[in-house]
N, C-alpha and C. Protein backbone atom coordinates (compact mmCIF):
# COMPACT_ATOMS: atom_id res chain seq x y z
N UNK A 1 11.36 28.21 12.50
CA UNK A 1 11.06 27.03 13.29
C UNK A 1 12.00 25.89 12.90
N UNK A 2 12.55 25.24 13.89
CA UNK A 2 13.42 24.09 13.65
C UNK A 2 12.57 22.90 13.22
N UNK A 3 13.19 22.01 12.45
CA UNK A 3 12.47 20.85 11.95
C UNK A 3 13.23 19.56 12.27
N UNK A 4 12.47 18.48 12.44
CA UNK A 4 13.06 17.19 12.78
C UNK A 4 12.25 16.07 12.14
N UNK A 5 12.94 14.99 11.84
CA UNK A 5 12.29 13.76 11.40
C UNK A 5 12.71 12.65 12.36
N UNK A 6 11.74 11.82 12.77
CA UNK A 6 12.05 10.66 13.60
C UNK A 6 11.58 9.42 12.86
N UNK A 7 12.44 8.42 12.76
CA UNK A 7 12.21 7.26 11.91
C UNK A 7 11.75 6.06 12.72
N UNK A 8 10.66 5.43 12.26
CA UNK A 8 10.07 4.29 12.96
C UNK A 8 10.13 3.04 12.10
N UNK A 9 10.49 1.93 12.73
CA UNK A 9 10.47 0.64 12.07
C UNK A 9 9.89 -0.38 13.04
N UNK A 10 9.43 -1.48 12.52
CA UNK A 10 8.84 -2.53 13.35
C UNK A 10 9.77 -2.86 14.52
N UNK A 11 9.19 -2.85 15.72
CA UNK A 11 9.95 -3.19 16.92
C UNK A 11 10.60 -2.00 17.60
N UNK A 12 10.36 -0.78 17.11
CA UNK A 12 10.99 0.39 17.74
C UNK A 12 10.56 0.50 19.20
N UNK A 13 11.38 1.13 20.01
CA UNK A 13 11.08 1.35 21.42
C UNK A 13 10.15 2.55 21.52
N UNK A 14 8.94 2.30 21.95
CA UNK A 14 7.91 3.34 21.97
C UNK A 14 8.31 4.57 22.79
N UNK A 15 8.88 4.36 23.98
CA UNK A 15 9.28 5.50 24.82
C UNK A 15 10.29 6.40 24.10
N UNK A 16 11.21 5.77 23.39
CA UNK A 16 12.28 6.50 22.73
C UNK A 16 11.81 7.27 21.51
N UNK A 17 10.66 6.94 20.99
CA UNK A 17 10.09 7.67 19.86
C UNK A 17 9.07 8.70 20.33
N UNK A 18 8.18 8.28 21.21
CA UNK A 18 7.08 9.16 21.58
C UNK A 18 7.50 10.29 22.52
N UNK A 19 8.46 10.05 23.40
CA UNK A 19 8.94 11.15 24.26
C UNK A 19 9.56 12.28 23.43
N UNK A 20 10.44 11.98 22.48
CA UNK A 20 10.96 13.08 21.65
C UNK A 20 9.88 13.77 20.82
N UNK A 21 8.95 13.01 20.27
CA UNK A 21 7.88 13.65 19.49
C UNK A 21 7.11 14.62 20.37
N UNK A 22 6.70 14.16 21.53
CA UNK A 22 5.92 14.99 22.45
C UNK A 22 6.71 16.22 22.90
N UNK A 23 7.90 16.01 23.41
CA UNK A 23 8.69 17.11 23.98
C UNK A 23 9.10 18.11 22.90
N UNK A 24 9.49 17.64 21.74
CA UNK A 24 9.89 18.58 20.68
C UNK A 24 8.69 19.38 20.19
N UNK A 25 7.54 18.76 20.07
CA UNK A 25 6.34 19.52 19.66
C UNK A 25 5.98 20.54 20.73
N UNK A 26 6.04 20.17 21.99
CA UNK A 26 5.78 21.13 23.07
C UNK A 26 6.74 22.32 22.98
N UNK A 27 7.97 22.03 22.57
CA UNK A 27 9.01 23.06 22.49
C UNK A 27 9.03 23.85 21.19
N UNK A 28 8.03 23.62 20.33
CA UNK A 28 7.93 24.41 19.11
C UNK A 28 8.72 23.89 17.92
N UNK A 29 9.20 22.66 17.99
CA UNK A 29 9.92 22.06 16.87
C UNK A 29 8.91 21.35 15.99
N UNK A 30 9.03 21.53 14.69
CA UNK A 30 8.19 20.84 13.72
C UNK A 30 8.78 19.46 13.48
N UNK A 31 8.28 18.47 14.23
CA UNK A 31 8.80 17.10 14.11
C UNK A 31 7.75 16.23 13.44
N UNK A 32 8.21 15.43 12.49
CA UNK A 32 7.36 14.49 11.77
C UNK A 32 7.92 13.08 11.98
N UNK A 33 7.01 12.13 12.21
CA UNK A 33 7.42 10.74 12.28
C UNK A 33 7.37 10.14 10.88
N UNK A 34 8.34 9.29 10.60
CA UNK A 34 8.48 8.70 9.26
C UNK A 34 8.54 7.18 9.40
N UNK A 35 7.66 6.50 8.69
CA UNK A 35 7.67 5.04 8.67
C UNK A 35 8.71 4.55 7.67
N UNK A 36 9.56 3.65 8.13
CA UNK A 36 10.50 2.98 7.22
C UNK A 36 9.86 1.73 6.62
N UNK A 37 8.67 1.42 7.08
CA UNK A 37 7.92 0.26 6.60
C UNK A 37 7.07 0.67 5.39
N UNK A 38 6.47 -0.28 4.69
CA UNK A 38 5.65 0.05 3.52
C UNK A 38 4.34 0.76 3.86
N UNK A 39 3.92 0.71 5.12
CA UNK A 39 2.68 1.39 5.51
C UNK A 39 2.95 2.38 6.64
N UNK A 40 2.01 3.30 6.84
CA UNK A 40 2.17 4.34 7.87
C UNK A 40 2.11 3.78 9.29
N UNK A 41 1.26 2.78 9.51
CA UNK A 41 1.18 2.23 10.86
C UNK A 41 2.38 1.34 11.13
N UNK A 42 3.06 1.64 12.23
CA UNK A 42 4.24 0.88 12.62
C UNK A 42 3.99 0.34 14.02
N UNK A 43 4.28 -0.94 14.22
CA UNK A 43 4.06 -1.58 15.51
C UNK A 43 5.37 -1.57 16.30
N UNK A 44 5.31 -0.96 17.49
CA UNK A 44 6.49 -0.89 18.35
C UNK A 44 6.81 -2.22 19.00
N UNK A 45 7.91 -2.25 19.71
CA UNK A 45 8.39 -3.45 20.36
C UNK A 45 7.47 -4.00 21.43
N UNK A 46 6.56 -3.18 21.93
CA UNK A 46 5.61 -3.63 22.96
C UNK A 46 4.19 -3.61 22.41
N UNK A 47 4.11 -3.82 21.11
CA UNK A 47 2.84 -3.97 20.38
C UNK A 47 1.97 -2.71 20.38
N UNK A 48 2.59 -1.53 20.55
CA UNK A 48 1.84 -0.28 20.47
C UNK A 48 1.87 0.19 19.01
N UNK A 49 0.71 0.28 18.37
CA UNK A 49 0.69 0.76 16.98
C UNK A 49 0.79 2.29 16.96
N UNK A 50 1.62 2.79 16.08
CA UNK A 50 1.79 4.24 15.93
C UNK A 50 1.59 4.58 14.46
N UNK A 51 0.79 5.58 14.22
CA UNK A 51 0.52 6.06 12.87
C UNK A 51 1.55 7.14 12.53
N UNK A 52 2.46 6.85 11.62
CA UNK A 52 3.49 7.81 11.23
C UNK A 52 2.87 8.93 10.39
N UNK A 53 3.49 10.09 10.46
CA UNK A 53 3.05 11.23 9.66
C UNK A 53 3.34 11.02 8.17
N UNK A 54 4.45 10.34 7.89
CA UNK A 54 4.91 10.19 6.51
C UNK A 54 5.46 8.79 6.26
N UNK A 55 5.41 8.37 5.01
CA UNK A 55 6.21 7.24 4.56
C UNK A 55 7.57 7.80 4.14
N UNK A 56 8.59 6.96 4.13
CA UNK A 56 9.93 7.45 3.78
C UNK A 56 9.93 8.14 2.42
N UNK A 57 9.24 7.58 1.46
CA UNK A 57 9.22 8.14 0.10
C UNK A 57 8.50 9.48 0.02
N UNK A 58 7.77 9.85 1.06
CA UNK A 58 7.06 11.13 1.08
C UNK A 58 7.88 12.27 1.67
N UNK A 59 9.10 11.97 2.11
CA UNK A 59 9.96 13.02 2.65
C UNK A 59 10.30 13.98 1.52
N UNK A 60 10.09 15.25 1.79
CA UNK A 60 10.47 16.29 0.81
C UNK A 60 11.96 16.58 0.99
N UNK A 61 12.59 17.05 -0.04
CA UNK A 61 14.01 17.34 0.02
C UNK A 61 14.33 18.65 0.72
N UNK A 62 13.34 19.19 1.42
CA UNK A 62 13.58 20.44 2.13
C UNK A 62 14.54 20.21 3.30
N UNK A 63 15.07 21.29 3.79
CA UNK A 63 16.04 21.26 4.88
C UNK A 63 15.39 20.73 6.16
N UNK A 64 16.05 19.82 6.81
CA UNK A 64 15.64 19.31 8.11
C UNK A 64 16.83 19.48 9.04
N UNK A 65 16.58 20.03 10.22
CA UNK A 65 17.68 20.32 11.14
C UNK A 65 18.28 19.09 11.80
N UNK A 66 17.44 18.09 12.10
CA UNK A 66 17.95 16.90 12.79
C UNK A 66 17.13 15.67 12.40
N UNK A 67 17.83 14.54 12.29
CA UNK A 67 17.21 13.24 12.07
C UNK A 67 17.35 12.48 13.39
N UNK A 68 16.26 11.84 13.84
CA UNK A 68 16.26 11.15 15.12
C UNK A 68 15.96 9.67 14.91
N UNK A 69 16.77 8.82 15.55
CA UNK A 69 16.63 7.38 15.43
C UNK A 69 16.35 6.78 16.80
N UNK A 70 15.12 6.31 17.04
CA UNK A 70 14.86 5.58 18.28
C UNK A 70 15.41 4.17 18.16
N UNK A 71 15.71 3.57 19.29
CA UNK A 71 16.22 2.20 19.28
C UNK A 71 15.10 1.20 19.47
N UNK A 72 15.46 0.10 20.11
CA UNK A 72 14.49 -0.94 20.38
C UNK A 72 14.62 -2.11 19.43
N UNK A 73 15.10 -1.85 18.23
CA UNK A 73 15.23 -2.92 17.25
C UNK A 73 16.46 -2.68 16.37
N UNK A 74 17.36 -3.66 16.32
CA UNK A 74 18.51 -3.54 15.42
C UNK A 74 18.09 -3.43 13.96
N UNK A 75 16.83 -3.71 13.68
CA UNK A 75 16.29 -3.64 12.32
C UNK A 75 16.48 -2.25 11.69
N UNK A 76 16.60 -1.21 12.51
CA UNK A 76 16.76 0.15 11.98
C UNK A 76 18.04 0.26 11.14
N UNK A 77 18.99 -0.63 11.38
CA UNK A 77 20.25 -0.60 10.63
C UNK A 77 20.13 -1.25 9.25
N UNK A 78 18.96 -1.78 8.91
CA UNK A 78 18.78 -2.53 7.67
C UNK A 78 18.24 -1.69 6.52
N UNK A 79 18.20 -0.38 6.65
CA UNK A 79 17.58 0.47 5.63
C UNK A 79 18.64 1.36 4.96
N UNK A 80 19.14 0.95 3.78
CA UNK A 80 20.16 1.75 3.11
C UNK A 80 19.68 3.17 2.78
N UNK A 81 18.37 3.32 2.50
CA UNK A 81 17.87 4.66 2.18
C UNK A 81 17.95 5.58 3.40
N UNK A 82 17.81 5.03 4.60
CA UNK A 82 17.97 5.83 5.82
C UNK A 82 19.42 6.26 5.98
N UNK A 83 20.34 5.34 5.75
CA UNK A 83 21.77 5.68 5.86
C UNK A 83 22.15 6.76 4.84
N UNK A 84 21.60 6.67 3.65
CA UNK A 84 21.85 7.69 2.63
C UNK A 84 21.31 9.05 3.09
N UNK A 85 20.12 9.05 3.67
CA UNK A 85 19.51 10.28 4.17
C UNK A 85 20.36 10.88 5.29
N UNK A 86 20.90 10.03 6.17
CA UNK A 86 21.77 10.51 7.25
C UNK A 86 23.02 11.14 6.66
N UNK A 87 23.64 10.48 5.71
CA UNK A 87 24.86 11.02 5.07
C UNK A 87 24.59 12.37 4.42
N UNK A 88 23.49 12.45 3.67
CA UNK A 88 23.14 13.72 3.00
C UNK A 88 22.90 14.83 4.02
N UNK A 89 22.19 14.50 5.09
CA UNK A 89 21.87 15.49 6.11
C UNK A 89 23.14 16.01 6.78
N UNK A 90 24.02 15.10 7.16
CA UNK A 90 25.27 15.51 7.80
C UNK A 90 26.15 16.30 6.83
N UNK A 91 26.17 15.90 5.56
CA UNK A 91 26.93 16.64 4.54
C UNK A 91 26.42 18.07 4.39
N UNK A 92 25.12 18.26 4.66
CA UNK A 92 24.52 19.59 4.58
C UNK A 92 24.67 20.38 5.88
N UNK A 93 25.42 19.83 6.84
CA UNK A 93 25.67 20.55 8.08
C UNK A 93 24.59 20.38 9.13
N UNK A 94 23.71 19.40 8.95
CA UNK A 94 22.65 19.16 9.92
C UNK A 94 23.10 18.13 10.94
N UNK A 95 22.17 17.66 11.76
CA UNK A 95 22.52 16.81 12.89
C UNK A 95 21.75 15.50 12.87
N UNK A 96 22.22 14.59 13.73
CA UNK A 96 21.53 13.31 13.91
C UNK A 96 21.59 12.96 15.39
N UNK A 97 20.50 12.35 15.87
CA UNK A 97 20.43 11.91 17.26
C UNK A 97 19.94 10.47 17.27
N UNK A 98 20.56 9.63 18.11
CA UNK A 98 20.20 8.21 18.17
C UNK A 98 20.27 7.73 19.62
N UNK A 99 19.31 6.89 19.98
CA UNK A 99 19.24 6.39 21.35
C UNK A 99 19.16 4.87 21.36
N UNK A 100 19.68 4.26 22.41
CA UNK A 100 19.56 2.83 22.67
C UNK A 100 20.38 2.02 21.67
N UNK A 101 19.75 1.18 20.88
CA UNK A 101 20.46 0.38 19.88
C UNK A 101 20.76 1.18 18.62
N UNK A 102 20.04 2.27 18.40
CA UNK A 102 20.16 3.01 17.14
C UNK A 102 21.52 3.64 16.87
N UNK A 103 22.34 4.00 17.88
CA UNK A 103 23.67 4.50 17.54
C UNK A 103 24.50 3.52 16.71
N UNK A 104 24.08 2.23 16.70
CA UNK A 104 24.79 1.25 15.88
C UNK A 104 24.78 1.65 14.41
N UNK A 105 23.71 2.30 13.97
CA UNK A 105 23.63 2.76 12.57
C UNK A 105 24.77 3.74 12.30
N UNK A 106 24.95 4.67 13.21
CA UNK A 106 26.00 5.68 13.05
C UNK A 106 27.38 5.05 13.13
N UNK A 107 27.53 4.07 14.03
CA UNK A 107 28.80 3.36 14.15
C UNK A 107 29.13 2.58 12.90
N UNK A 108 28.15 1.89 12.35
CA UNK A 108 28.38 1.12 11.13
C UNK A 108 28.72 2.01 9.94
N UNK A 109 28.25 3.25 9.99
CA UNK A 109 28.55 4.20 8.92
C UNK A 109 29.90 4.88 9.11
N UNK A 110 30.58 4.60 10.23
CA UNK A 110 31.87 5.23 10.51
C UNK A 110 31.76 6.65 11.02
N UNK A 111 30.58 7.06 11.45
CA UNK A 111 30.36 8.44 11.87
C UNK A 111 30.79 8.72 13.30
N UNK A 112 31.12 7.67 14.05
CA UNK A 112 31.46 7.86 15.46
C UNK A 112 32.95 7.72 15.74
N UNK A 113 33.74 7.49 14.70
CA UNK A 113 35.19 7.31 14.89
C UNK A 113 35.80 8.53 15.56
N UNK A 114 36.46 8.29 16.70
CA UNK A 114 37.12 9.35 17.43
C UNK A 114 36.17 10.27 18.19
N UNK A 115 34.90 9.90 18.26
CA UNK A 115 33.92 10.74 18.96
C UNK A 115 33.40 10.01 20.20
N UNK A 116 33.00 10.78 21.20
CA UNK A 116 32.36 10.20 22.38
C UNK A 116 30.94 9.80 22.00
N UNK A 117 30.53 8.63 22.50
CA UNK A 117 29.18 8.13 22.21
C UNK A 117 28.75 7.16 23.29
N UNK A 118 27.46 6.87 23.30
CA UNK A 118 26.89 5.91 24.24
C UNK A 118 25.76 5.17 23.52
N UNK A 119 25.42 3.99 24.01
CA UNK A 119 24.34 3.19 23.45
C UNK A 119 23.82 2.25 24.53
N UNK A 120 22.85 1.45 24.17
CA UNK A 120 22.32 0.44 25.09
C UNK A 120 23.43 -0.57 25.39
N UNK A 121 23.58 -0.96 26.67
CA UNK A 121 24.63 -1.92 27.02
C UNK A 121 24.55 -3.19 26.17
N UNK A 122 25.69 -3.59 25.64
CA UNK A 122 25.77 -4.77 24.78
C UNK A 122 25.90 -4.42 23.30
N UNK A 123 25.64 -3.15 22.95
CA UNK A 123 25.75 -2.72 21.56
C UNK A 123 27.02 -1.92 21.29
N UNK A 124 27.89 -1.81 22.30
CA UNK A 124 29.10 -1.00 22.15
C UNK A 124 29.97 -1.43 20.98
N UNK A 125 30.02 -2.73 20.69
CA UNK A 125 30.89 -3.21 19.60
C UNK A 125 30.47 -2.67 18.24
N UNK A 126 29.23 -2.20 18.12
CA UNK A 126 28.75 -1.62 16.86
C UNK A 126 29.17 -0.16 16.68
N UNK A 127 29.64 0.46 17.75
CA UNK A 127 30.02 1.87 17.68
C UNK A 127 31.49 1.98 17.26
N UNK A 128 31.76 1.56 16.05
CA UNK A 128 33.12 1.43 15.53
C UNK A 128 33.93 2.71 15.69
N UNK A 129 35.02 2.58 16.47
CA UNK A 129 35.94 3.70 16.65
C UNK A 129 35.50 4.76 17.65
N UNK A 130 34.36 4.57 18.29
CA UNK A 130 33.86 5.57 19.24
C UNK A 130 34.56 5.44 20.58
N UNK A 131 34.61 6.55 21.29
CA UNK A 131 35.06 6.55 22.68
C UNK A 131 33.80 6.40 23.53
N UNK A 132 33.58 5.20 24.06
CA UNK A 132 32.36 4.91 24.81
C UNK A 132 32.46 5.55 26.19
N UNK A 133 31.43 6.31 26.53
CA UNK A 133 31.35 6.94 27.85
C UNK A 133 30.09 6.47 28.54
N UNK A 134 30.18 6.22 29.82
CA UNK A 134 29.01 5.77 30.57
C UNK A 134 28.28 6.97 31.16
N UNK A 135 27.51 7.61 30.31
CA UNK A 135 26.73 8.78 30.69
C UNK A 135 25.39 8.69 29.96
N UNK A 136 24.33 9.29 30.48
CA UNK A 136 23.01 9.12 29.87
C UNK A 136 22.90 9.62 28.43
N UNK A 137 23.39 10.84 28.17
CA UNK A 137 23.26 11.46 26.85
C UNK A 137 24.56 12.18 26.54
N UNK A 138 25.01 12.06 25.30
CA UNK A 138 26.24 12.73 24.87
C UNK A 138 25.96 13.57 23.63
N UNK A 139 26.40 14.82 23.68
CA UNK A 139 26.37 15.68 22.49
C UNK A 139 27.82 15.83 22.05
N UNK A 140 28.10 15.34 20.87
CA UNK A 140 29.45 15.40 20.31
C UNK A 140 29.36 16.03 18.93
N UNK A 141 29.61 17.34 18.88
CA UNK A 141 29.45 18.05 17.62
C UNK A 141 28.00 18.04 17.20
N UNK A 142 27.75 17.52 16.00
CA UNK A 142 26.37 17.48 15.50
C UNK A 142 25.73 16.10 15.63
N UNK A 143 26.28 15.28 16.54
CA UNK A 143 25.74 13.95 16.80
C UNK A 143 25.40 13.82 18.29
N UNK A 144 24.17 13.36 18.55
CA UNK A 144 23.71 13.14 19.92
C UNK A 144 23.41 11.65 20.06
N UNK A 145 23.94 11.04 21.13
CA UNK A 145 23.63 9.64 21.41
C UNK A 145 23.14 9.53 22.85
N UNK A 146 22.33 8.50 23.11
CA UNK A 146 21.80 8.29 24.45
C UNK A 146 21.72 6.79 24.72
N UNK A 147 21.63 6.46 26.01
CA UNK A 147 21.79 5.08 26.48
C UNK A 147 20.58 4.17 26.32
N UNK A 148 19.37 4.62 26.67
CA UNK A 148 18.26 3.68 26.58
C UNK A 148 16.92 4.23 27.01
N UNK A 149 15.90 3.37 27.06
CA UNK A 149 14.51 3.79 27.24
C UNK A 149 14.24 4.70 28.43
N UNK A 150 14.79 4.40 29.58
CA UNK A 150 14.50 5.21 30.77
C UNK A 150 15.04 6.64 30.62
N UNK A 151 15.90 6.84 29.65
CA UNK A 151 16.51 8.15 29.43
C UNK A 151 15.88 8.89 28.26
N UNK A 152 14.73 8.44 27.81
CA UNK A 152 14.07 9.04 26.65
C UNK A 152 13.72 10.51 26.88
N UNK A 153 13.32 10.86 28.09
CA UNK A 153 12.99 12.26 28.38
C UNK A 153 14.27 13.10 28.41
N UNK A 154 15.32 12.59 29.04
CA UNK A 154 16.62 13.31 29.04
C UNK A 154 17.09 13.53 27.60
N UNK A 155 17.00 12.48 26.81
CA UNK A 155 17.39 12.54 25.40
C UNK A 155 16.59 13.61 24.67
N UNK A 156 15.28 13.59 24.84
CA UNK A 156 14.40 14.54 24.15
C UNK A 156 14.68 15.97 24.60
N UNK A 157 14.87 16.18 25.89
CA UNK A 157 15.17 17.53 26.38
C UNK A 157 16.53 18.02 25.88
N UNK A 158 17.49 17.10 25.77
CA UNK A 158 18.81 17.47 25.22
C UNK A 158 18.68 17.87 23.76
N UNK A 159 17.91 17.11 22.99
CA UNK A 159 17.70 17.45 21.58
C UNK A 159 16.99 18.80 21.47
N UNK A 160 16.00 19.03 22.33
CA UNK A 160 15.29 20.30 22.32
C UNK A 160 16.23 21.46 22.61
N UNK A 161 17.05 21.33 23.62
CA UNK A 161 18.01 22.39 23.94
C UNK A 161 18.98 22.60 22.79
N UNK A 162 19.45 21.52 22.19
CA UNK A 162 20.37 21.60 21.06
C UNK A 162 19.75 22.38 19.90
N UNK A 163 18.47 22.12 19.63
CA UNK A 163 17.80 22.78 18.51
C UNK A 163 17.36 24.20 18.82
N UNK A 164 17.04 24.47 20.07
CA UNK A 164 16.50 25.79 20.43
C UNK A 164 17.44 26.47 21.41
N UNK A 165 17.15 26.37 22.69
CA UNK A 165 18.03 26.96 23.70
C UNK A 165 17.70 26.39 25.07
N UNK A 166 18.54 26.70 26.04
CA UNK A 166 18.37 26.17 27.39
C UNK A 166 17.09 26.69 28.04
N UNK A 167 16.72 27.94 27.78
CA UNK A 167 15.49 28.48 28.36
C UNK A 167 14.27 27.68 27.91
N UNK A 168 14.21 27.34 26.64
CA UNK A 168 13.10 26.55 26.12
C UNK A 168 13.10 25.16 26.74
N UNK A 169 14.27 24.55 26.83
CA UNK A 169 14.40 23.24 27.47
C UNK A 169 13.90 23.31 28.90
N UNK A 170 14.34 24.30 29.65
CA UNK A 170 13.95 24.44 31.05
C UNK A 170 12.45 24.69 31.19
N UNK A 171 11.89 25.47 30.28
CA UNK A 171 10.45 25.75 30.29
C UNK A 171 9.65 24.46 30.10
N UNK A 172 10.04 23.67 29.11
CA UNK A 172 9.33 22.42 28.84
C UNK A 172 9.55 21.43 29.99
N UNK A 173 10.76 21.36 30.52
CA UNK A 173 11.04 20.47 31.65
C UNK A 173 10.15 20.82 32.83
N UNK A 174 9.98 22.10 33.08
CA UNK A 174 9.12 22.54 34.18
C UNK A 174 7.65 22.19 33.90
N UNK A 175 7.20 22.40 32.66
CA UNK A 175 5.82 22.08 32.29
C UNK A 175 5.48 20.60 32.49
N UNK A 176 6.44 19.73 32.23
CA UNK A 176 6.17 18.29 32.37
C UNK A 176 6.57 17.76 33.75
N UNK A 177 6.95 18.67 34.62
CA UNK A 177 7.37 18.35 36.00
C UNK A 177 8.54 17.36 35.99
N UNK A 178 9.49 17.64 35.13
CA UNK A 178 10.69 16.81 35.04
C UNK A 178 11.59 17.12 36.23
N UNK A 179 12.02 16.07 36.91
CA UNK A 179 12.93 16.22 38.05
C UNK A 179 14.12 15.31 37.84
N UNK A 180 15.27 15.85 38.03
CA UNK A 180 16.48 15.04 37.86
C UNK A 180 17.13 14.82 39.20
């Protein structure tokens, strides 16, 4: 079974976190939400409280296939321990996915240099060295980026296909009556 961690901080975009959690769980991925805050309950940008599965310090050093960063708040870029976790994960050959404002974390880390990427309009300057493309979701090697909240389902289905296969993605898309 593939595994994923999705990181939540105050002000996160609820759609960008909850759609991937829901779709990946439907698709058989073991995804856990992780609070970057001192407590498990994290308040999203639209005042929706979400109870995270884990605190950051409770993450086990076991292998995780992908780290997922929802946007909604530039605050996600303020956690050095998250950046360290991203570096370690990528060094181990794993993947990272970020949507909306969150690709700025990857850009600030220099991970997007020479790679195609996308983010929420207005955050492009944070994607240092990236080739910005105006498309909903981009898979570039082991990095996935997406544009914003309305594309949360596209983003989640892309991550699901990346982790599993197109048949599983199509099955889940059909179950949720996804139409493109």
